[in-house]
Amino acid sequence: MKDKNPNRLTEYGCLVFFLGLKLILSFLLVNSVYELHRDEFLHLDQANHLAAGFTSVPPLTSLFSWLIKAFGNGVFMVKLVPALMGAVTILYCWKTVDFLKGNLLAKCFVAVACIFSILLRLNTLYQPNSFDVLAWTAIFYYLLRYFNQKEAKHLYAFAVFVALGFLNKYNVIFLVIGLLPAIIITPNRKIFADKHLYLSILLALLIISPNVIWQINHHFPVLTHMKLLQATQLVHVNRIDFFIGQFLFFISSIFILLAGILSLIFYKDFRKYSWIILTYIITLIVFSYFKAKDYYALGLYPVLLAFGAVYLSRVLVKKHILTGLLFAFNIGTFIYLLPLLMPVYSPDEIIAHHKRFERVGALRWEDGKNHALPQDYADMQGWKELAALVDSAYGKVKDKSVLLVRADNYGQAGAINYYSKYKNINAVSYNADYLYWFKMDKPIKDLIMITGWKDEDPKRKREQPYFARITKIGEIKTPYAREKGAGVFLLEGAKPEVSSIIKSEIEEEKNDH
């Protein structure tokens, strides 16, 4: 029977509006000059190599990639998937507000806070981060429902999202680490007497077991990946910057966020939810201890925004001017910061306003140094040019069954496979998951080699003794591309020992990983 309650219909209308706005802005606020991101190419290529695990990420992303491929593998679908995940995150925030008996104003507060924030940028990239935030938000929601109603179905839903979160990104382990002590030191520790908790844990273990078995069989590549991440990226992370980042992520909705944090500490109606603020504090401390990147903690915030929205809606009841000012501040601040949060500026416009970007650390890359563009933006340049150069070399090869296309890194390999007009080109590299995707069934006769942006051997002296002819096809010239200067070479007439050398290099790299 249809719901004829006018208030409920108004709420449904507002929800549809906000979800639609979220999806539209995810496309509208991205400058068309930018191509896909290097990480997106890797994730999309995983659809062609479905497995229970990968060296770079758990397997759930590959299933989303398979769906994207089934729907044509176009850029629209690539962008739609994370945008939908962001929309579902807002839906869970809306449901959390509903659980807290928040009114329509509170729901509008939380929707605006989520849309006009860093989450909009997060949901424009096809990476595991969007589902990570969604999973964390759902985990909090189902725990809230369970602690209030003690219904087993909410425990099982909680377990499913923990498991899916694990299969998406191991980052969810840090949330579990934060949840355990927070629940133990509050009256909610009664959960440990519920048999359904242990049955739900078994369900979660069953769901993640294929990936755990894969990790065991492959000698836990996730640990090697973490060590490499620590050595190359996290070593540059400053703990003070980590906490500053938490403040800046939601600067446009800072009043709602602060209301959520403070109300969970001081507001008597929310005291029974103290486990949430404890989880927040403990998880941040753990992240800080391990020098994690600031965005790893983004999943903690939607639930805090939901609580803040409910509290402010009660405080501001009938205070229409203050309510209007709060919306104006949230949206107005986001618009002012828009060029810093979303890729709306072209590279030339960013260069022209580089001081503004530099002041907020947007030009600092994972190497700890400032560059011309934000790293993510530089990682979305030059890929089509690279694929065109490789296609030019590929077209010159007569027998493609004995050709190997070897890139310098996973971004190059993935971009070639995505943008190349030759759908079976199968570019690979010696890093990330591509290390396991080499096809060496026949002896290699020709090689298309893509170098790094800083080529220390532009004349290919190392390869000359092993090939009859080496031709440079070209190099990436796109200004400000991270891969600018990367060269494409066609190496023809390989000697018999080339295949053996490549196989030994592959095994050596695997052992190092």
Protein backbone atom coordinates (compact mmCIF):
# COMPACT_ATOMS: atom_id res chain seq x y z
CA MET A 1 0.00 0.00 0.00
CA LYS A 2 1.41 3.43 -0.95
CA ASP A 3 2.58 5.78 1.78
CA LYS A 4 0.27 8.81 1.58
CA ASN A 5 1.82 10.60 4.55
CA PRO A 6 2.71 14.07 3.14
CA ASN A 7 5.72 14.42 5.43
CA ARG A 8 7.07 11.04 4.41
CA LEU A 9 6.57 11.83 0.72
CA THR A 10 8.40 15.13 1.22
CA GLU A 11 11.29 13.24 2.83
CA TYR A 12 11.43 10.79 -0.06
CA GLY A 13 11.47 13.70 -2.49
CA CYS A 14 14.30 15.41 -0.63
CA LEU A 15 16.28 12.17 -0.47
CA VAL A 16 15.93 11.60 -4.21
CA PHE A 17 16.99 15.21 -4.81
CA PHE A 18 20.14 14.91 -2.72
CA LEU A 19 21.12 11.54 -4.17
CA GLY A 20 20.61 12.91 -7.68
CA LEU A 21 22.60 16.04 -6.84
CA LYS A 22 25.42 13.87 -5.53
CA LEU A 23 25.58 11.91 -8.79
CA ILE A 24 25.37 14.98 -11.02
CA LEU A 25 28.09 16.90 -9.18
CA SER A 26 30.40 13.87 -9.33
CA PHE A 27 30.48 14.34 -13.11
CA LEU A 28 29.91 18.08 -13.43
CA LEU A 29 32.83 19.17 -11.23
CA VAL A 30 35.56 17.26 -13.08
CA ASN A 31 37.38 19.13 -15.85
CA SER A 32 37.28 17.14 -19.09
CA VAL A 33 41.01 17.72 -19.61
CA TYR A 34 41.72 14.99 -17.06
CA GLU A 35 41.87 11.32 -18.00
CA LEU A 36 41.49 8.36 -15.67
CA HIS A 37 43.85 8.01 -12.71
CA ARG A 38 46.76 5.56 -12.78
CA ASP A 39 45.23 3.50 -9.95
CA GLU A 40 41.93 3.24 -11.81
CA PHE A 41 43.65 1.52 -14.74
CA LEU A 42 45.06 -1.18 -12.47
CA HIS A 43 41.68 -1.83 -10.84
CA LEU A 44 39.95 -2.01 -14.21
CA ASP A 45 42.51 -4.48 -15.54
CA GLN A 46 41.78 -6.81 -12.64
CA ALA A 47 38.47 -7.63 -14.32
CA ASN A 48 40.51 -9.57 -16.87
CA HIS A 49 42.29 -11.59 -14.17
CA LEU A 50 39.64 -12.43 -11.55
CA ALA A 51 41.14 -14.11 -8.50
CA ALA A 52 40.65 -14.50 -4.75
CA GLY A 53 43.34 -11.92 -4.14
CA PHE A 54 45.79 -9.45 -5.63
CA THR A 55 49.08 -8.01 -4.46
CA SER A 56 47.71 -4.46 -4.56
CA VAL A 57 44.17 -4.73 -3.13
CA PRO A 58 41.70 -7.39 -1.95
CA PRO A 59 39.43 -8.91 -4.62
CA LEU A 60 36.14 -7.00 -4.26
CA THR A 61 37.24 -4.15 -6.52
CA SER A 62 37.90 -6.65 -9.33
CA LEU A 63 34.23 -7.73 -9.16
CA PHE A 64 33.10 -4.12 -9.53
CA SER A 65 35.51 -3.87 -12.47
CA TRP A 66 33.95 -6.96 -14.00
CA LEU A 67 30.55 -5.28 -13.79
CA ILE A 68 31.94 -2.10 -15.35
CA LYS A 69 33.41 -4.20 -18.17
CA ALA A 70 30.07 -5.97 -18.65
CA PHE A 71 28.45 -2.55 -19.15
CA GLY A 72 30.94 -1.45 -21.80
CA ASN A 73 33.95 -0.35 -19.73
CA GLY A 74 33.36 3.28 -20.67
CA VAL A 75 34.55 6.25 -18.62
CA PHE A 76 30.94 7.03 -17.64
CA MET A 77 30.56 3.64 -15.95
CA VAL A 78 33.99 3.94 -14.33
CA LYS A 79 32.89 7.22 -12.75
CA LEU A 80 29.34 6.12 -11.98
CA VAL A 81 30.33 3.24 -9.68
CA PRO A 82 32.14 5.32 -7.00
CA ALA A 83 29.50 8.04 -7.34
CA LEU A 84 26.81 5.46 -6.56
CA MET A 85 28.81 4.28 -3.56
CA GLY A 86 28.89 7.86 -2.31
CA ALA A 87 25.14 8.12 -2.82
CA VAL A 88 24.55 4.94 -0.79
CA THR A 89 26.78 6.38 1.94
CA ILE A 90 24.44 9.38 2.12
CA LEU A 91 21.50 6.97 2.24
CA TYR A 92 23.01 5.27 5.31
CA CYS A 93 23.59 8.66 6.93
CA TRP A 94 19.94 9.47 6.25
CA LYS A 95 18.92 6.15 7.83
CA THR A 96 21.17 6.86 10.84
CA VAL A 97 19.45 10.21 11.36
CA ASP A 98 16.09 8.45 11.04
CA PHE A 99 17.20 5.93 13.68
CA LEU A 100 18.07 8.82 16.01
CA LYS A 101 14.57 10.22 15.39
CA GLY A 102 15.96 13.20 13.56
CA ASN A 103 13.60 15.34 11.52
CA LEU A 104 13.79 16.38 7.87
CA LEU A 105 16.01 19.33 8.74
CA ALA A 106 18.55 16.97 10.33
CA LYS A 107 18.48 14.78 7.23
CA CYS A 108 19.07 17.78 5.01
CA PHE A 109 21.95 18.86 7.25
CA VAL A 110 23.72 15.53 6.94
CA ALA A 111 23.08 15.25 3.19
CA VAL A 112 24.52 18.70 2.54
CA ALA A 113 27.46 18.00 4.87
CA CYS A 114 28.34 14.83 2.96
CA ILE A 115 27.81 16.21 -0.53
CA PHE A 116 29.71 19.47 -0.04
CA SER A 117 32.84 17.94 1.43
CA ILE A 118 35.95 15.99 0.50
CA LEU A 119 33.71 12.93 0.06
CA LEU A 120 32.59 14.37 -3.27
CA ARG A 121 36.17 14.29 -4.51
CA LEU A 122 36.69 10.81 -3.09
CA ASN A 123 33.70 9.53 -5.02
CA THR A 124 35.02 10.74 -8.39
CA LEU A 125 37.86 8.21 -8.35
CA TYR A 126 37.39 4.51 -9.00
CA GLN A 127 39.42 3.28 -6.05
CA PRO A 128 38.60 1.12 -2.99
CA ASN A 129 38.24 4.25 -0.84
CA SER A 130 34.61 4.96 -1.78
CA PHE A 131 33.37 1.55 -0.72
CA ASP A 132 35.62 1.75 2.35
CA VAL A 133 33.74 4.81 3.62
CA LEU A 134 30.42 3.19 2.70
CA ALA A 135 31.29 0.01 4.60
CA TRP A 136 32.36 1.91 7.73
CA THR A 137 29.16 3.97 7.67
CA ALA A 138 27.03 0.82 7.35
CA ILE A 139 29.00 -0.89 10.15
CA PHE A 140 28.20 1.96 12.54
CA TYR A 141 24.56 2.00 11.46
CA TYR A 142 23.96 -1.71 12.05
CA LEU A 143 25.73 -1.64 15.41
CA LEU A 144 23.52 1.26 16.45
CA ARG A 145 20.46 -0.73 15.44
CA TYR A 146 21.66 -3.84 17.25
CA PHE A 147 22.53 -2.10 20.51
CA ASN A 148 19.10 -0.46 20.50
CA GLN A 149 16.93 -3.41 19.51
CA LYS A 150 19.12 -6.48 20.17
CA GLU A 151 17.89 -8.04 16.93
CA ALA A 152 20.25 -10.65 15.53
CA LYS A 153 19.67 -9.58 11.92
CA HIS A 154 21.55 -6.35 12.57
CA LEU A 155 24.55 -8.30 13.87
CA TYR A 156 24.65 -10.36 10.70
CA ALA A 157 24.36 -7.23 8.55
CA PHE A 158 27.21 -5.73 10.59
CA ALA A 159 29.32 -8.85 9.98
CA VAL A 160 28.61 -8.82 6.25
CA PHE A 161 29.81 -5.23 5.92
CA VAL A 162 32.92 -5.94 7.98
CA ALA A 163 33.66 -8.85 5.64
CA LEU A 164 32.93 -6.83 2.50
CA GLY A 165 35.01 -3.99 3.90
CA PHE A 166 37.88 -6.44 4.42
CA LEU A 167 37.54 -7.79 0.88
CA ASN A 168 37.58 -4.21 -0.38
CA LYS A 169 40.43 -2.75 1.67
CA TYR A 170 42.24 -4.13 4.71
CA ASN A 171 41.86 -0.67 6.24
CA VAL A 172 38.68 -1.88 7.98
CA ILE A 173 40.88 -3.82 10.42
CA PHE A 174 41.76 -0.49 12.04
CA LEU A 175 38.07 0.21 12.63
CA VAL A 176 37.67 -3.18 14.32
CA ILE A 177 40.72 -2.39 16.48
CA GLY A 178 39.03 0.86 17.51
CA LEU A 179 35.63 -0.73 18.09
CA LEU A 180 36.73 -3.55 20.40
CA PRO A 181 38.02 -1.50 23.38
CA ALA A 182 35.26 1.10 22.88
CA ILE A 183 32.60 -1.58 23.26
CA ILE A 184 34.37 -3.41 26.07
CA ILE A 185 34.57 -0.33 28.33
CA THR A 186 30.90 0.61 27.84
CA PRO A 187 27.70 -1.24 28.86
CA ASN A 188 27.49 -2.50 25.27
CA ARG A 189 29.98 -5.23 26.21
CA LYS A 190 26.90 -7.37 26.78
CA ILE A 191 27.18 -8.10 23.11
CA PHE A 192 29.84 -10.68 23.94
CA ALA A 193 27.17 -12.78 25.66
CA ASP A 194 25.07 -13.01 22.51
CA LYS A 195 25.63 -16.25 20.60
CA HIS A 196 24.69 -14.47 17.39
CA LEU A 197 27.85 -12.38 17.67
CA TYR A 198 29.96 -15.49 17.27
CA LEU A 199 27.76 -16.88 14.53
CA SER A 200 28.05 -13.57 12.69
CA ILE A 201 31.83 -13.68 13.16
CA LEU A 202 31.81 -17.14 11.58
CA LEU A 203 29.79 -15.74 8.69
CA ALA A 204 32.33 -12.95 8.21
CA LEU A 205 35.22 -15.43 8.33
CA LEU A 206 33.47 -17.61 5.77
CA ILE A 207 33.05 -14.63 3.42
CA ILE A 208 36.69 -13.55 3.68
CA SER A 209 38.16 -17.07 3.75
CA PRO A 210 38.99 -17.26 0.00
CA ASN A 211 41.13 -14.15 0.30
CA VAL A 212 42.76 -15.31 3.54
CA ILE A 213 43.64 -18.64 1.93
CA TRP A 214 45.01 -16.78 -1.08
CA GLN A 215 47.18 -14.63 1.19
CA ILE A 216 48.53 -17.74 2.94
CA ASN A 217 49.26 -19.52 -0.34
CA HIS A 218 51.08 -16.45 -1.67
CA HIS A 219 53.07 -15.87 1.55
CA PHE A 220 51.07 -12.80 2.62
CA PRO A 221 51.92 -10.27 -0.11
CA VAL A 222 49.86 -7.73 1.84
CA LEU A 223 52.68 -7.57 4.40
CA THR A 224 55.25 -6.90 1.69
CA HIS A 225 52.93 -4.28 0.21
CA MET A 226 52.62 -2.61 3.63
CA LYS A 227 56.40 -2.58 4.11
CA LEU A 228 56.87 -1.02 0.68
CA LEU A 229 54.15 1.55 1.44
CA GLN A 230 55.83 2.36 4.74
CA ALA A 231 59.24 2.76 3.11
CA THR A 232 58.17 4.83 0.11
CA GLN A 233 55.12 6.83 1.21
CA LEU A 234 54.20 6.65 4.89
CA VAL A 235 57.75 7.59 5.86
CA HIS A 236 56.91 11.09 4.59
CA VAL A 237 53.70 11.33 6.65
CA ASN A 238 53.77 13.86 9.48
CA ARG A 239 51.51 13.03 12.44
CA ILE A 240 50.61 16.68 12.93
CA ASP A 241 49.59 16.89 9.28
CA PHE A 242 47.48 13.77 9.80
CA PHE A 243 45.39 15.49 12.47
CA ILE A 244 45.24 18.77 10.55
CA GLY A 245 43.88 16.77 7.62
CA GLN A 246 41.03 15.48 9.77
CA PHE A 247 40.02 19.07 10.44
CA LEU A 248 40.39 20.24 6.83
CA PHE A 249 38.49 17.36 5.22
CA PHE A 250 35.18 18.68 6.50
CA ILE A 251 36.02 22.35 6.94
CA SER A 252 32.89 23.41 5.05
CA SER A 253 30.69 21.34 7.40
CA ILE A 254 32.86 21.92 10.46
CA PHE A 255 29.95 23.11 12.64
CA ILE A 256 28.02 19.92 11.99
CA LEU A 257 31.10 17.79 12.63
CA LEU A 258 31.96 19.59 15.88
CA ALA A 259 28.34 19.31 16.95
CA GLY A 260 28.53 15.57 16.38
CA ILE A 261 31.75 15.14 18.36
CA LEU A 262 30.74 17.39 21.26
CA SER A 263 27.17 16.09 21.49
CA LEU A 264 28.47 12.52 21.81
CA ILE A 265 30.57 13.69 24.74
CA PHE A 266 28.23 16.11 26.54
CA TYR A 267 24.64 15.73 25.29
CA LYS A 268 22.75 13.49 27.71
CA ASP A 269 20.45 12.02 25.05
CA PHE A 270 23.52 10.67 23.24
CA ARG A 271 25.45 9.32 26.24
CA LYS A 272 24.44 5.74 25.48
CA TYR A 273 26.25 6.14 22.16
CA SER A 274 29.56 6.99 23.82
CA TRP A 275 31.14 3.95 22.17
CA ILE A 276 31.08 5.86 18.89
CA ILE A 277 33.22 8.75 20.09
CA LEU A 278 35.53 6.31 21.86
CA THR A 279 35.90 4.36 18.63
CA TYR A 280 36.69 7.60 16.84
CA ILE A 281 39.41 8.60 19.31
CA ILE A 282 41.00 5.15 19.57
CA THR A 283 41.04 4.60 15.81
CA LEU A 284 42.64 7.99 15.19
CA ILE A 285 45.32 7.23 17.78
CA VAL A 286 46.06 3.87 16.13
CA PHE A 287 46.23 5.47 12.69
CA SER A 288 48.53 8.16 14.02
CA TYR A 289 50.80 5.59 15.65
CA PHE A 290 51.27 3.80 12.32
CA LYS A 291 51.72 7.15 10.49
CA ALA A 292 48.77 6.42 8.23
CA LYS A 293 47.65 8.75 5.47
CA ASP A 294 45.00 11.17 6.67
CA TYR A 295 42.28 9.95 4.29
CA TYR A 296 42.44 6.44 5.76
CA ALA A 297 40.20 7.74 8.57
CA LEU A 298 37.47 9.20 6.34
CA GLY A 299 35.07 6.36 7.14
CA LEU A 300 34.79 7.61 10.73
CA TYR A 301 33.06 10.85 9.78
CA PRO A 302 29.65 10.16 8.18
CA VAL A 303 28.24 8.80 11.45
CA LEU A 304 29.61 11.82 13.37
CA LEU A 305 27.97 14.13 10.84
CA ALA A 306 24.68 12.28 11.36
CA PHE A 307 24.81 12.85 15.12
CA GLY A 308 25.81 16.48 14.61
CA ALA A 309 22.93 17.01 12.21
CA VAL A 310 20.39 15.63 14.69
CA TYR A 311 21.77 17.71 17.56
CA LEU A 312 21.81 20.95 15.56
CA SER A 313 18.29 20.36 14.26
CA ARG A 314 17.11 20.23 17.87
CA VAL A 315 19.10 23.29 18.94
CA LEU A 316 18.07 25.35 15.93
CA VAL A 317 14.37 24.46 15.99
CA LYS A 318 12.39 27.52 14.82
CA LYS A 319 15.67 29.50 14.48
CA HIS A 320 15.29 29.92 10.76
CA ILE A 321 17.94 32.59 10.28
CA LEU A 322 20.66 30.55 12.01
CA THR A 323 19.57 27.47 10.08
CA GLY A 324 19.83 29.35 6.81
CA LEU A 325 23.26 30.72 7.79
CA LEU A 326 24.49 27.21 8.55
CA PHE A 327 23.45 25.94 5.12
CA ALA A 328 24.93 29.04 3.51
CA PHE A 329 28.24 28.55 5.33
CA ASN A 330 28.43 24.86 4.38
CA ILE A 331 27.67 25.40 0.69
CA GLY A 332 29.42 28.77 0.40
CA THR A 333 32.66 27.54 1.96
CA PHE A 334 32.65 24.52 -0.31
CA ILE A 335 32.19 26.74 -3.38
CA TYR A 336 35.07 28.97 -2.23
CA LEU A 337 37.31 25.93 -1.72
CA LEU A 338 36.03 24.14 -4.82
CA PRO A 339 39.24 24.50 -6.89
CA LEU A 340 41.22 22.95 -4.04
CA LEU A 341 38.81 20.07 -3.49
CA MET A 342 37.72 19.13 -7.01
CA PRO A 343 39.60 18.96 -10.33
CA VAL A 344 37.69 21.87 -11.89
CA TYR A 345 40.81 23.85 -12.79
CA SER A 346 42.89 22.91 -15.80
CA PRO A 347 46.64 22.42 -15.23
CA ASP A 348 47.34 25.93 -16.57
CA GLU A 349 44.80 27.43 -14.15
CA ILE A 350 46.41 25.56 -11.25
CA ILE A 351 49.83 26.88 -12.25
CA ALA A 352 48.39 30.38 -12.35
CA HIS A 353 47.03 29.96 -8.79
CA HIS A 354 49.85 27.78 -7.46
CA LYS A 355 50.32 29.86 -4.29
CA ARG A 356 46.80 29.05 -3.19
CA PHE A 357 47.37 25.33 -3.71
CA GLU A 358 50.80 25.43 -2.10
CA ARG A 359 49.52 27.08 1.07
CA VAL A 360 47.26 24.11 1.86
CA GLY A 361 49.84 21.48 0.90
CA ALA A 362 47.93 20.39 -2.21
CA LEU A 363 51.11 20.39 -4.31
CA ARG A 364 53.03 18.08 -1.96
CA TRP A 365 53.40 14.58 -3.36
CA GLU A 366 54.06 11.32 -1.56
CA ASP A 367 57.80 12.00 -1.95
CA GLY A 368 57.39 14.94 0.44
CA LYS A 369 58.20 17.54 -2.24
CA ASN A 370 56.09 20.22 -3.94
CA HIS A 371 55.34 19.88 -7.65
CA ALA A 372 53.50 21.84 -10.34
CA LEU A 373 50.19 19.95 -9.94
CA PRO A 374 48.57 17.94 -7.15
CA GLN A 375 49.79 14.37 -7.50
CA ASP A 376 46.36 12.96 -8.33
CA TYR A 377 45.98 15.47 -11.16
CA ALA A 378 49.43 14.72 -12.60
CA ASP A 379 48.42 11.05 -12.47
CA MET A 380 45.51 11.83 -14.82
CA GLN A 381 47.58 13.26 -17.67
CA GLY A 382 49.32 11.84 -20.73
CA TRP A 383 47.83 8.34 -20.79
CA LYS A 384 46.03 8.64 -24.13
CA GLU A 385 49.22 9.99 -25.69
CA LEU A 386 51.15 7.01 -24.32
CA ALA A 387 48.59 4.52 -25.66
CA ALA A 388 48.73 6.18 -29.10
CA LEU A 389 52.53 5.85 -29.19
CA VAL A 390 52.34 2.19 -28.19
CA ASP A 391 49.66 1.57 -30.82
CA SER A 392 51.98 3.07 -33.41
CA ALA A 393 54.70 0.62 -32.41
CA TYR A 394 52.23 -2.27 -32.19
CA GLY A 395 51.07 -1.65 -35.74
CA LYS A 396 54.63 -2.09 -37.04
CA VAL A 397 54.93 -5.64 -35.67
CA LYS A 398 53.97 -8.40 -38.10
CA ASP A 399 53.79 -11.40 -35.77
CA LYS A 400 52.06 -10.18 -32.64
CA SER A 401 51.93 -13.67 -31.12
CA VAL A 402 55.64 -13.37 -30.21
CA LEU A 403 55.44 -9.72 -29.07
CA LEU A 404 55.70 -8.53 -25.47
CA VAL A 405 54.56 -5.05 -24.39
CA ARG A 406 56.41 -4.23 -21.18
CA ALA A 407 55.75 -1.00 -19.30
CA ASP A 408 57.80 0.62 -16.57
CA ASN A 409 54.96 0.64 -14.03
CA TYR A 410 51.38 -0.44 -13.46
CA GLY A 411 49.94 2.95 -14.42
CA GLN A 412 51.50 2.76 -17.86
CA ALA A 413 50.49 -0.87 -18.38
CA GLY A 414 46.90 -0.27 -17.30
CA ALA A 415 46.53 2.91 -19.36
CA ILE A 416 47.81 1.14 -22.48
CA ASN A 417 45.39 -1.74 -21.97
CA TYR A 418 42.49 0.66 -21.40
CA TYR A 419 43.07 3.26 -24.12
CA SER A 420 44.71 1.13 -26.82
CA LYS A 421 42.65 0.41 -29.92
CA TYR A 422 44.09 -3.12 -29.83
CA LYS A 423 42.01 -4.89 -27.20
CA ASN A 424 44.38 -7.86 -26.84
CA ILE A 425 47.57 -5.82 -26.44
CA ASN A 426 48.15 -7.17 -22.89
CA ALA A 427 50.73 -4.68 -21.63
CA VAL A 428 52.47 -5.79 -18.42
CA SER A 429 55.11 -4.49 -16.03
CA TYR A 430 57.41 -5.73 -13.31
CA ASN A 431 55.37 -4.21 -10.49
CA ALA A 432 51.97 -4.56 -8.81
CA ASP A 433 49.69 -7.32 -10.08
CA TYR A 434 51.08 -7.15 -13.62
CA LEU A 435 54.08 -9.11 -12.44
CA TYR A 436 51.82 -12.18 -12.39
CA TRP A 437 50.11 -11.48 -15.73
CA PHE A 438 52.97 -12.11 -18.15
CA LYS A 439 52.19 -14.50 -21.01
CA MET A 440 55.42 -16.24 -21.98
CA ASP A 441 54.04 -19.22 -23.90
CA LYS A 442 56.26 -18.56 -26.92
CA PRO A 443 59.81 -17.22 -27.27
CA ILE A 444 59.80 -13.43 -27.49
CA LYS A 445 60.84 -12.06 -30.90
CA ASP A 446 59.89 -8.40 -30.50
CA LEU A 447 59.47 -6.12 -27.52
CA ILE A 448 57.68 -2.81 -27.06
CA MET A 449 59.29 -1.24 -24.03
CA ILE A 450 58.04 1.82 -22.17
CA THR A 451 60.60 3.52 -19.98
CA GLY A 452 60.12 5.58 -16.84
CA TRP A 453 59.84 9.35 -16.96
CA LYS A 454 63.48 9.59 -15.88
CA ASP A 455 65.21 7.36 -18.42
CA GLU A 456 68.86 6.80 -17.51
CA ASP A 457 69.53 4.88 -20.74
CA PRO A 458 67.90 6.85 -23.60
CA LYS A 459 69.98 5.02 -26.24
CA ARG A 460 69.10 1.55 -24.86
CA LYS A 461 72.73 0.48 -24.49
CA ARG A 462 71.66 -2.27 -22.10
CA GLU A 463 69.31 -3.87 -24.65
CA GLN A 464 71.35 -3.33 -27.85
CA PRO A 465 73.34 -6.62 -27.63
CA TYR A 466 70.11 -8.65 -27.52
CA PHE A 467 68.12 -7.13 -30.42
CA ALA A 468 68.76 -6.66 -34.13
CA ARG A 469 67.12 -3.23 -34.24
CA ILE A 470 65.92 -0.67 -31.68
CA THR A 471 63.68 2.24 -32.70
CA LYS A 472 62.41 5.03 -30.51
CA ILE A 473 58.77 5.66 -31.39
CA GLY A 474 58.37 8.74 -29.20
CA GLU A 475 57.87 9.96 -25.66
CA ILE A 476 55.13 11.53 -23.54
CA LYS A 477 55.15 15.29 -24.06
CA THR A 478 51.92 16.23 -22.28
CA PRO A 479 52.81 19.16 -19.99
CA TYR A 480 52.64 18.43 -16.26
CA ALA A 481 51.95 14.71 -16.73
CA ARG A 482 53.68 12.69 -14.05
CA GLU A 483 54.98 10.39 -16.78
CA LYS A 484 56.25 13.22 -19.01
CA GLY A 485 59.43 12.03 -20.72
CA ALA A 486 58.56 8.34 -20.59
CA GLY A 487 59.72 6.82 -23.89
CA VAL A 488 58.26 4.13 -26.16
CA PHE A 489 60.76 1.86 -27.93
CA LEU A 490 60.29 -0.93 -30.45
CA LEU A 491 62.94 -3.64 -30.05
CA GLU A 492 62.93 -6.12 -32.93
CA GLY A 493 64.73 -9.36 -33.68
CA ALA A 494 65.32 -10.64 -30.17
CA LYS A 495 68.04 -13.23 -29.59
CA PRO A 496 66.95 -16.60 -28.13
CA GLU A 497 68.22 -15.79 -24.65
CA VAL A 498 65.91 -12.76 -24.28
CA SER A 499 62.93 -14.88 -23.19
CA SER A 500 65.03 -16.61 -20.54
CA ILE A 501 66.33 -13.28 -19.26
CA ILE A 502 62.81 -11.88 -18.97
CA LYS A 503 61.56 -15.00 -17.17
CA SER A 504 64.44 -14.83 -14.70
CA GLU A 505 63.73 -11.13 -14.09
CA ILE A 506 60.09 -11.95 -13.43
CA GLU A 507 61.03 -14.61 -10.87
CA GLU A 508 63.51 -12.28 -9.24
CA GLU A 509 60.88 -9.58 -8.90
CA LYS A 510 58.38 -12.08 -7.49
CA ASN A 511 60.91 -13.18 -4.89
CA ASP A 512 61.53 -9.55 -3.94
CA HIS A 513 57.76 -9.11 -3.52
